[in-house]
Amino acid sequence: MNEVDKGFLKGMTGYCLKNAYHKLIDHAEAGLEEYDLKVPEFSILAVVQLNPGITQSKLIDNLYVTRSTASELVEKLVNRKLIIRKAINRKSHGLELTKKGDKLFEEAHKKAERSEQKLNQNFTGKEIKELNSLLLKLADCL
């Protein structure tokens, strides 16, 4: 058997999205490997870099990870001295990148942008804009 027939699945948005997602994650993680980062860790660094002082609860709300996963990932990044917790009040802490974290993120971000450019080379600027717009529209519908 040469190729598996996917038939009607090719016409289902969820299937196509999941297929693309898994291939994108594999591609992204291969690029982040030299920084010892996975996509969720890179995403945390990005959101913290863009929103210094963000709380872990806000992070969870915006990255769609469970509380336990976020706690585990944040702890790992704290242990690697890439982010720090700063007290906001007695009950909550904000997250900030350390100098080491900022440097690592900037390097990984540049590599991610180059990787993104390679991925997008088969699309026109208009197609990329339309694809991203449609994906955001899909997310808003759910």
C-alpha atoms as a PDB file:
ATOM      1  CA  MET A   1       0.000   0.000   0.000  1.00  0.00           C
ATOM      2  CA  ASN A   2       1.655   3.217  -1.156  1.00  0.00           C
ATOM      3  CA  GLU A   3      -0.401   6.019   0.312  1.00  0.00           C
ATOM      4  CA  VAL A   4      -3.268   6.051   2.766  1.00  0.00           C
ATOM      5  CA  ASP A   5      -6.513   7.348   1.267  1.00  0.00           C
ATOM      6  CA  LYS A   6      -7.695  10.263   3.355  1.00  0.00           C
ATOM      7  CA  GLY A   7     -10.800  10.825   1.232  1.00  0.00           C
ATOM      8  CA  PHE A   8     -13.333  13.137   2.857  1.00  0.00           C
ATOM      9  CA  LEU A   9     -10.883  14.023   5.645  1.00  0.00           C
ATOM     10  CA  LYS A  10      -9.060  16.342   3.224  1.00  0.00           C
ATOM     11  CA  GLY A  11     -12.229  18.449   3.101  1.00  0.00           C
ATOM     12  CA  MET A  12     -12.585  18.765   6.884  1.00  0.00           C
ATOM     13  CA  THR A  13     -11.145  21.944   8.369  1.00  0.00           C
ATOM     14  CA  GLY A  14     -10.319  20.324  11.705  1.00  0.00           C
ATOM     15  CA  TYR A  15      -8.361  17.507  10.065  1.00  0.00           C
ATOM     16  CA  CYS A  16      -6.445  19.878   7.773  1.00  0.00           C
ATOM     17  CA  LEU A  17      -5.692  22.227  10.657  1.00  0.00           C
ATOM     18  CA  LYS A  18      -4.490  19.408  12.915  1.00  0.00           C
ATOM     19  CA  ASN A  19      -2.317  17.983  10.140  1.00  0.00           C
ATOM     20  CA  ALA A  20      -0.714  21.382   9.459  1.00  0.00           C
ATOM     21  CA  TYR A  21      -0.359  22.085  13.191  1.00  0.00           C
ATOM     22  CA  HIS A  22       1.598  18.906  13.894  1.00  0.00           C
ATOM     23  CA  LYS A  23       3.900  19.482  10.949  1.00  0.00           C
ATOM     24  CA  LEU A  24       4.450  23.105  12.008  1.00  0.00           C
ATOM     25  CA  ILE A  25       5.223  22.100  15.599  1.00  0.00           C
ATOM     26  CA  ASP A  26       7.741  19.482  14.433  1.00  0.00           C
ATOM     27  CA  HIS A  27       9.373  22.074  12.165  1.00  0.00           C
ATOM     28  CA  ALA A  28       9.448  24.742  14.902  1.00  0.00           C
ATOM     29  CA  GLU A  29      10.852  22.402  17.538  1.00  0.00           C
ATOM     30  CA  ALA A  30      13.635  21.310  15.213  1.00  0.00           C
ATOM     31  CA  GLY A  31      14.616  24.982  14.939  1.00  0.00           C
ATOM     32  CA  LEU A  32      14.420  25.581  18.699  1.00  0.00           C
ATOM     33  CA  GLU A  33      16.408  22.455  19.601  1.00  0.00           C
ATOM     34  CA  GLU A  34      19.741  24.292  19.725  1.00  0.00           C
ATOM     35  CA  TYR A  35      18.274  26.571  22.430  1.00  0.00           C
ATOM     36  CA  ASP A  36      16.937  23.618  24.427  1.00  0.00           C
ATOM     37  CA  LEU A  37      13.412  25.007  24.029  1.00  0.00           C
ATOM     38  CA  LYS A  38      10.098  23.496  23.048  1.00  0.00           C
ATOM     39  CA  VAL A  39       7.325  25.552  21.439  1.00  0.00           C
ATOM     40  CA  PRO A  40       5.388  26.074  24.718  1.00  0.00           C
ATOM     41  CA  GLU A  41       8.534  27.372  26.460  1.00  0.00           C
ATOM     42  CA  PHE A  42       9.315  29.683  23.542  1.00  0.00           C
ATOM     43  CA  SER A  43       5.716  30.921  23.675  1.00  0.00           C
ATOM     44  CA  ILE A  44       6.025  31.691  27.390  1.00  0.00           C
ATOM     45  CA  LEU A  45       9.249  33.601  26.799  1.00  0.00           C
ATOM     46  CA  ALA A  46       7.576  35.542  23.971  1.00  0.00           C
ATOM     47  CA  VAL A  47       4.509  36.498  26.005  1.00  0.00           C
ATOM     48  CA  VAL A  48       6.626  37.466  29.019  1.00  0.00           C
ATOM     49  CA  GLN A  49       8.946  39.512  26.801  1.00  0.00           C
ATOM     50  CA  LEU A  50       5.954  41.320  25.262  1.00  0.00           C
ATOM     51  CA  ASN A  51       4.181  41.705  28.631  1.00  0.00           C
ATOM     52  CA  PRO A  52       6.746  42.158  31.417  1.00  0.00           C
ATOM     53  CA  GLY A  53       5.147  41.556  34.794  1.00  0.00           C
ATOM     54  CA  ILE A  54       2.409  39.283  33.425  1.00  0.00           C
ATOM     55  CA  THR A  55       0.972  36.952  36.030  1.00  0.00           C
ATOM     56  CA  GLN A  56       0.974  33.208  35.586  1.00  0.00           C
ATOM     57  CA  SER A  57      -2.857  33.252  35.518  1.00  0.00           C
ATOM     58  CA  LYS A  58      -2.862  35.700  32.593  1.00  0.00           C
ATOM     59  CA  LEU A  59      -0.249  33.577  30.890  1.00  0.00           C
ATOM     60  CA  ILE A  60      -2.487  30.515  31.237  1.00  0.00           C
ATOM     61  CA  ASP A  61      -5.476  32.400  29.803  1.00  0.00           C
ATOM     62  CA  ASN A  62      -3.515  33.461  26.736  1.00  0.00           C
ATOM     63  CA  LEU A  63      -1.504  30.347  25.935  1.00  0.00           C
ATOM     64  CA  TYR A  64      -4.237  27.758  26.415  1.00  0.00           C
ATOM     65  CA  VAL A  65      -2.252  25.499  28.701  1.00  0.00           C
ATOM     66  CA  THR A  66      -3.405  23.907  31.920  1.00  0.00           C
ATOM     67  CA  ARG A  67      -2.431  25.408  35.254  1.00  0.00           C
ATOM     68  CA  SER A  68      -0.180  22.432  36.056  1.00  0.00           C
ATOM     69  CA  THR A  69       1.548  22.565  32.650  1.00  0.00           C
ATOM     70  CA  ALA A  70       2.129  26.303  32.977  1.00  0.00           C
ATOM     71  CA  SER A  71       3.502  25.862  36.497  1.00  0.00           C
ATOM     72  CA  GLU A  72       5.866  23.144  35.320  1.00  0.00           C
ATOM     73  CA  LEU A  73       7.087  25.151  32.315  1.00  0.00           C
ATOM     74  CA  VAL A  74       7.519  28.381  34.287  1.00  0.00           C
ATOM     75  CA  GLU A  75       9.427  26.510  36.994  1.00  0.00           C
ATOM     76  CA  LYS A  76      11.714  25.007  34.356  1.00  0.00           C
ATOM     77  CA  LEU A  77      12.395  28.472  32.888  1.00  0.00           C
ATOM     78  CA  VAL A  78      13.009  29.905  36.373  1.00  0.00           C
ATOM     79  CA  ASN A  79      15.459  27.078  37.135  1.00  0.00           C
ATOM     80  CA  ARG A  80      17.278  27.836  33.875  1.00  0.00           C
ATOM     81  CA  LYS A  81      17.444  31.471  35.027  1.00  0.00           C
ATOM     82  CA  LEU A  82      15.568  32.659  31.925  1.00  0.00           C
ATOM     83  CA  ILE A  83      12.680  34.252  33.824  1.00  0.00           C
ATOM     84  CA  ILE A  84      12.177  35.550  37.333  1.00  0.00           C
ATOM     85  CA  ARG A  85       9.142  36.034  39.520  1.00  0.00           C
ATOM     86  CA  LYS A  86       8.651  39.496  41.016  1.00  0.00           C
ATOM     87  CA  ALA A  87       6.120  40.064  43.764  1.00  0.00           C
ATOM     88  CA  ILE A  88       3.193  42.254  42.719  1.00  0.00           C
ATOM     89  CA  ASN A  89       1.445  41.875  46.068  1.00  0.00           C
ATOM     90  CA  ARG A  90       1.234  39.231  48.775  1.00  0.00           C
ATOM     91  CA  LYS A  91      -0.763  36.873  46.555  1.00  0.00           C
ATOM     92  CA  SER A  92       0.653  37.216  43.083  1.00  0.00           C
ATOM     93  CA  HIS A  93       3.899  37.471  41.185  1.00  0.00           C
ATOM     94  CA  GLY A  94       4.711  38.912  37.806  1.00  0.00           C
ATOM     95  CA  LEU A  95       7.056  37.214  35.393  1.00  0.00           C
ATOM     96  CA  GLU A  96       9.973  38.945  33.697  1.00  0.00           C
ATOM     97  CA  LEU A  97      12.805  37.798  31.475  1.00  0.00           C
ATOM     98  CA  THR A  98      16.279  37.852  32.947  1.00  0.00           C
ATOM     99  CA  LYS A  99      19.147  39.249  30.862  1.00  0.00           C
ATOM    100  CA  LYS A 100      20.040  35.653  30.008  1.00  0.00           C
ATOM    101  CA  GLY A 101      16.407  34.946  29.080  1.00  0.00           C
ATOM    102  CA  ASP A 102      16.150  38.079  26.958  1.00  0.00           C
ATOM    103  CA  LYS A 103      19.334  37.180  25.067  1.00  0.00           C
ATOM    104  CA  LEU A 104      18.246  33.581  24.480  1.00  0.00           C
ATOM    105  CA  PHE A 105      14.765  34.685  23.416  1.00  0.00           C
ATOM    106  CA  GLU A 106      16.138  37.249  20.943  1.00  0.00           C
ATOM    107  CA  GLU A 107      18.363  34.605  19.329  1.00  0.00           C
ATOM    108  CA  ALA A 108      15.560  32.012  19.211  1.00  0.00           C
ATOM    109  CA  HIS A 109      13.126  34.642  17.904  1.00  0.00           C
ATOM    110  CA  LYS A 110      15.451  35.544  15.022  1.00  0.00           C
ATOM    111  CA  LYS A 111      15.785  31.870  14.147  1.00  0.00           C
ATOM    112  CA  ALA A 112      11.992  31.418  14.359  1.00  0.00           C
ATOM    113  CA  GLU A 113      11.479  34.381  12.014  1.00  0.00           C
ATOM    114  CA  ARG A 114      13.921  32.915   9.473  1.00  0.00           C
ATOM    115  CA  SER A 115      12.125  29.586   9.746  1.00  0.00           C
ATOM    116  CA  GLU A 116       8.776  31.314   9.251  1.00  0.00           C
ATOM    117  CA  GLN A 117      10.108  33.017   6.125  1.00  0.00           C
ATOM    118  CA  LYS A 118      11.128  29.633   4.712  1.00  0.00           C
ATOM    119  CA  LEU A 119       7.675  28.236   5.451  1.00  0.00           C
ATOM    120  CA  ASN A 120       6.005  31.189   3.787  1.00  0.00           C
ATOM    121  CA  GLN A 121       8.135  31.224   0.644  1.00  0.00           C
ATOM    122  CA  ASN A 122       5.481  29.236  -1.235  1.00  0.00           C
ATOM    123  CA  PHE A 123       2.811  31.844  -0.491  1.00  0.00           C
ATOM    124  CA  THR A 124       2.311  35.425  -1.574  1.00  0.00           C
ATOM    125  CA  GLY A 125       2.106  38.128   1.065  1.00  0.00           C
ATOM    126  CA  LYS A 126      -1.619  38.403   0.336  1.00  0.00           C
ATOM    127  CA  GLU A 127      -2.111  34.644   0.836  1.00  0.00           C
ATOM    128  CA  ILE A 128      -0.264  34.694   4.173  1.00  0.00           C
ATOM    129  CA  LYS A 129      -2.326  37.645   5.377  1.00  0.00           C
ATOM    130  CA  GLU A 130      -5.532  35.902   4.270  1.00  0.00           C
ATOM    131  CA  LEU A 131      -4.533  32.575   5.860  1.00  0.00           C
ATOM    132  CA  ASN A 132      -3.716  34.234   9.176  1.00  0.00           C
ATOM    133  CA  SER A 133      -6.920  36.258   9.050  1.00  0.00           C
ATOM    134  CA  LEU A 134      -8.986  33.121   8.399  1.00  0.00           C
ATOM    135  CA  LEU A 135      -7.261  31.204  11.201  1.00  0.00           C
ATOM    136  CA  LEU A 136      -7.967  34.031  13.649  1.00  0.00           C
ATOM    137  CA  LYS A 137     -11.564  34.175  12.428  1.00  0.00           C
ATOM    138  CA  LEU A 138     -11.872  30.412  12.975  1.00  0.00           C
ATOM    139  CA  ALA A 139     -10.511  30.773  16.511  1.00  0.00           C
ATOM    140  CA  ASP A 140     -13.001  33.562  17.246  1.00  0.00           C
ATOM    141  CA  CYS A 141     -15.869  31.291  16.132  1.00  0.00           C
ATOM    142  CA  LEU A 142     -14.966  28.596  18.645  1.00  0.00           C
END
